Every structure is written in structure tokens, then in C-alpha cells.
Amino acid sequence: MSADLTPVIAAGTRWLLTAFPPAPGAFSRALAEAQAGQAVTLAAVLRYPTDLDAQLLHLLGPGGSARLDWLTGAEHDRPAEDTAWRTWVDETVVSWAACLLADPALVPLAQAAAAAAGAGATGAVTRLLRPGDHEHQAAPLLRHPDLLEPIAALHREMLLHRLQEENLPLG
């Protein structure tokens, strides 16, 4: 994974946790952050698998969170000084992360696609792949498929196409 993806991963993770807050408590916050971080990291590596992709991302910019904020109704709730990090949010990465959070069956396909694209290691995704009761209790909103649907639906077809393309048998 390119280190150049760090700002996009951090912003995407923060956006998901802002839009779908965890249950109260430090433990819940940490578990929710781990889940969101794993989903956003895997999505970012899929979206930008090479160093050149990451460099182009920095040159052109990720696009920001305006449409995501509008979909969740958050564009009116945020303070004016809370905008700088939002410019690093990549809508496609967040949408793909929402797909992975809502449907853990996509995670092994996403890992295989990232590996096939030469993206390298995506880190551990255990909490994403096999969420247990603790993960669901810590992040009930972040794991709720119906709540994630408006975000996941934005770019789900592109993700499914990418996963199908990378996981086709050779021959």
C-alpha cells in the first residue's frame, strides 16, 4: 500500500465515524474506528493500487465529501472550521468501504482483487471479515446495511465490476 493514501484513508475513516457514530465509550470508539479504518484502507488500495495511482490522486485531488454530506444530511450540521479534512474524502473509496462494511462476503474478493492488482498488503481485516458481537455492538450504525445503503449504492456497481474483473479465472 502506498503511504500516499494515508490522508484519504484518515479522512474516509473520520467521515464514516462522523456520519455513523459508534456506541458510547472508548472501547466502542476504538472498535468502530478499527472497522471503518480496515474498510477504508481496503477500498483505497483497490481504488488506487499503484504508486502512480496515488500520485495522480494527490495531483488531481480526491473530490471531497460534499455529496456524501448531502446524502446523510450532514452539510448543515458541521461547523465552518470542520471543512479542511473533508477535502481529502474520496467519495468512491467511502462508498466502497460502505459496501464492505455492509456485506462482509465481499471482503475476501476485495483482498484477492487488491493482491491481483499488485497493491501489496492491505493489513489485517479480521474485524471487517468476521465481525462478532463486539463489533456490531460498538458500531451498530456503521454496520447497518439499510443505513449504509445510500452511500454504498453510489459506486457499488463499479466495485462489483472491479471485483469480478480481478477475480476472473485465467485460462
Protein backbone atom coordinates (compact mmCIF):
# COMPACT_ATOMS: atom_id res chain seq x y z
CA MET A 1 0.00 0.00 0.00
CA SER A 2 1.25 3.44 -0.87
CA ALA A 3 1.92 5.78 2.03
CA ASP A 4 0.41 8.49 -0.16
CA LEU A 5 -3.04 7.08 0.60
CA THR A 6 -2.79 7.93 4.30
CA PRO A 7 -4.68 11.27 4.11
CA VAL A 8 -7.51 9.70 2.09
CA ILE A 9 -7.73 6.74 4.48
CA ALA A 10 -7.74 9.00 7.53
CA ALA A 11 -10.37 11.33 6.05
CA GLY A 12 -12.58 8.47 4.85
CA THR A 13 -12.41 6.78 8.24
CA ARG A 14 -13.21 10.03 10.02
CA TRP A 15 -16.13 10.70 7.68
CA LEU A 16 -17.66 7.27 8.29
CA LEU A 17 -17.31 7.68 12.06
CA THR A 18 -18.83 11.16 11.89
CA ALA A 19 -21.75 10.06 9.72
CA PHE A 20 -22.33 6.77 11.59
CA PRO A 21 -21.19 7.40 15.17
CA PRO A 22 -20.16 4.48 17.38
CA ALA A 23 -21.84 3.47 20.60
CA PRO A 24 -20.74 5.47 23.66
CA GLY A 25 -17.42 4.61 25.29
CA ALA A 26 -13.75 4.44 24.43
CA PHE A 27 -13.82 0.71 23.67
CA SER A 28 -16.72 1.12 21.25
CA ARG A 29 -14.99 4.08 19.61
CA ALA A 30 -11.78 2.06 19.14
CA LEU A 31 -13.64 -0.95 17.68
CA ALA A 32 -15.66 1.24 15.33
CA GLU A 33 -12.52 3.07 14.22
CA ALA A 34 -10.77 -0.24 13.56
CA GLN A 35 -13.67 -1.45 11.41
CA ALA A 36 -14.00 1.78 9.46
CA GLY A 37 -10.23 2.01 9.03
CA GLN A 38 -9.97 -1.53 7.70
CA ALA A 39 -12.82 -0.96 5.25
CA VAL A 40 -11.46 2.37 4.01
CA THR A 41 -7.92 1.02 3.71
CA LEU A 42 -9.02 -1.95 1.62
CA ALA A 43 -11.25 0.28 -0.52
CA ALA A 44 -8.46 2.83 -1.05
CA VAL A 45 -5.98 0.13 -2.04
CA LEU A 46 -8.50 -1.25 -4.52
CA ARG A 47 -9.20 2.19 -5.95
CA TYR A 48 -5.55 3.30 -6.10
CA PRO A 49 -3.47 0.10 -6.35
CA THR A 50 -0.20 1.57 -7.64
CA ASP A 51 2.10 4.38 -6.60
CA LEU A 52 1.25 6.14 -9.87
CA ASP A 53 -2.46 5.99 -8.98
CA ALA A 54 -1.71 7.52 -5.59
CA GLN A 55 0.41 10.25 -7.17
CA LEU A 56 -2.39 11.09 -9.60
CA LEU A 57 -4.79 11.22 -6.66
CA HIS A 58 -2.59 13.83 -4.99
CA LEU A 59 -2.27 15.78 -8.22
CA LEU A 60 -5.98 15.82 -9.04
CA GLY A 61 -7.45 15.62 -5.54
CA PRO A 62 -9.96 13.17 -4.09
CA GLY A 63 -13.04 15.35 -4.56
CA GLY A 64 -14.24 15.94 -1.02
CA SER A 65 -17.29 14.95 0.98
CA ALA A 66 -19.93 17.38 -0.30
CA ARG A 67 -22.19 14.80 -1.96
CA LEU A 68 -21.77 12.33 0.90
CA ASP A 69 -22.62 15.06 3.40
CA TRP A 70 -25.69 15.99 1.37
CA LEU A 71 -26.86 12.35 1.25
CA THR A 72 -26.60 11.99 5.01
CA GLY A 73 -27.92 15.46 5.77
CA ALA A 74 -24.66 16.49 7.41
CA GLU A 75 -23.94 19.52 5.22
CA HIS A 76 -25.95 21.75 7.57
CA ASP A 77 -24.70 20.24 10.84
CA ARG A 78 -20.98 20.84 10.54
CA PRO A 79 -19.16 23.90 11.84
CA ALA A 80 -17.36 26.07 9.28
CA GLU A 81 -13.94 25.19 10.72
CA ASP A 82 -14.68 21.49 10.19
CA THR A 83 -14.05 21.50 6.45
CA ALA A 84 -10.31 21.10 5.79
CA TRP A 85 -10.14 17.34 6.39
CA ARG A 86 -13.31 16.83 4.34
CA THR A 87 -11.45 17.86 1.16
CA TRP A 88 -9.44 14.61 1.49
CA VAL A 89 -12.55 12.40 1.47
CA ASP A 90 -12.81 10.29 -1.67
CA GLU A 91 -16.47 9.54 -2.40
CA THR A 92 -15.73 6.31 -4.27
CA VAL A 93 -13.46 4.99 -1.51
CA VAL A 94 -16.09 5.74 1.15
CA SER A 95 -18.82 4.14 -0.96
CA TRP A 96 -16.72 1.00 -1.47
CA ALA A 97 -15.92 0.93 2.25
CA ALA A 98 -19.64 1.12 2.99
CA CYS A 99 -20.19 -1.86 0.68
CA LEU A 100 -17.51 -3.84 2.53
CA LEU A 101 -18.96 -2.93 5.92
CA ALA A 102 -22.49 -3.87 4.88
CA ASP A 103 -21.51 -7.14 3.19
CA PRO A 104 -18.51 -9.00 4.72
CA ALA A 105 -18.77 -11.60 1.93
CA LEU A 106 -17.20 -9.01 -0.41
CA VAL A 107 -14.07 -8.71 1.75
CA PRO A 108 -12.23 -11.86 0.53
CA LEU A 109 -12.97 -10.86 -3.07
CA ALA A 110 -11.66 -7.37 -2.38
CA GLN A 111 -8.49 -8.75 -0.79
CA ALA A 112 -7.92 -11.02 -3.78
CA ALA A 113 -8.52 -8.16 -6.21
CA ALA A 114 -6.08 -5.92 -4.35
CA ALA A 115 -3.44 -8.67 -4.40
CA ALA A 116 -4.05 -9.36 -8.11
CA ALA A 117 -3.65 -5.66 -8.89
CA GLY A 118 -0.27 -5.70 -7.16
CA ALA A 119 -1.44 -3.37 -4.42
CA GLY A 120 0.53 -5.21 -1.77
CA ALA A 121 -0.55 -5.85 1.79
CA THR A 122 -3.76 -4.24 3.00
CA GLY A 123 -3.18 -5.10 6.63
CA ALA A 124 -5.36 -7.23 8.86
CA VAL A 125 -9.07 -7.07 8.10
CA THR A 126 -10.28 -9.55 10.70
CA ARG A 127 -12.82 -7.18 12.26
CA LEU A 128 -14.12 -6.42 8.79
CA LEU A 129 -14.13 -10.01 7.55
CA ARG A 130 -15.59 -11.70 10.62
CA PRO A 131 -17.41 -9.13 12.73
CA GLY A 132 -18.51 -10.50 16.05
CA ASP A 133 -20.98 -9.29 18.61
CA HIS A 134 -18.50 -6.75 19.99
CA GLU A 135 -18.03 -5.17 16.56
CA HIS A 136 -21.76 -4.96 15.93
CA GLN A 137 -22.44 -3.53 19.39
CA ALA A 138 -19.65 -0.97 19.07
CA ALA A 139 -20.76 0.24 15.65
CA PRO A 140 -24.45 -0.51 15.18
CA LEU A 141 -24.94 2.35 12.71
CA LEU A 142 -21.71 1.66 10.82
CA ARG A 143 -22.70 -1.99 10.34
CA HIS A 144 -26.36 -1.42 9.47
CA PRO A 145 -26.88 -2.28 5.77
CA ASP A 146 -30.02 -0.15 5.45
CA LEU A 147 -28.33 2.94 6.85
CA LEU A 148 -25.24 2.41 4.68
CA GLU A 149 -27.27 1.80 1.52
CA PRO A 150 -27.43 5.38 0.19
CA ILE A 151 -23.64 5.64 0.44
CA ALA A 152 -22.90 2.08 -0.74
CA ALA A 153 -25.25 2.42 -3.71
CA LEU A 154 -23.28 5.36 -5.15
CA HIS A 155 -20.45 3.23 -6.52
CA ARG A 156 -21.43 -0.38 -5.77
CA GLU A 157 -21.63 -1.35 -9.45
CA MET A 158 -18.11 -0.08 -10.07
CA LEU A 159 -16.84 -2.07 -7.07
CA LEU A 160 -18.61 -5.25 -8.15
CA HIS A 161 -17.24 -4.84 -11.67
CA ARG A 162 -13.75 -4.35 -10.26
CA LEU A 163 -14.05 -7.42 -8.04
CA GLN A 164 -15.40 -9.54 -10.88
CA GLU A 165 -12.70 -8.30 -13.25
CA GLU A 166 -9.85 -9.08 -10.86
CA ASN A 167 -11.23 -12.46 -9.75
CA LEU A 168 -11.90 -13.97 -13.16
CA PRO A 169 -10.12 -17.30 -13.63
CA LEU A 170 -7.21 -17.21 -16.05
CA GLY A 171 -7.43 -19.54 -18.97
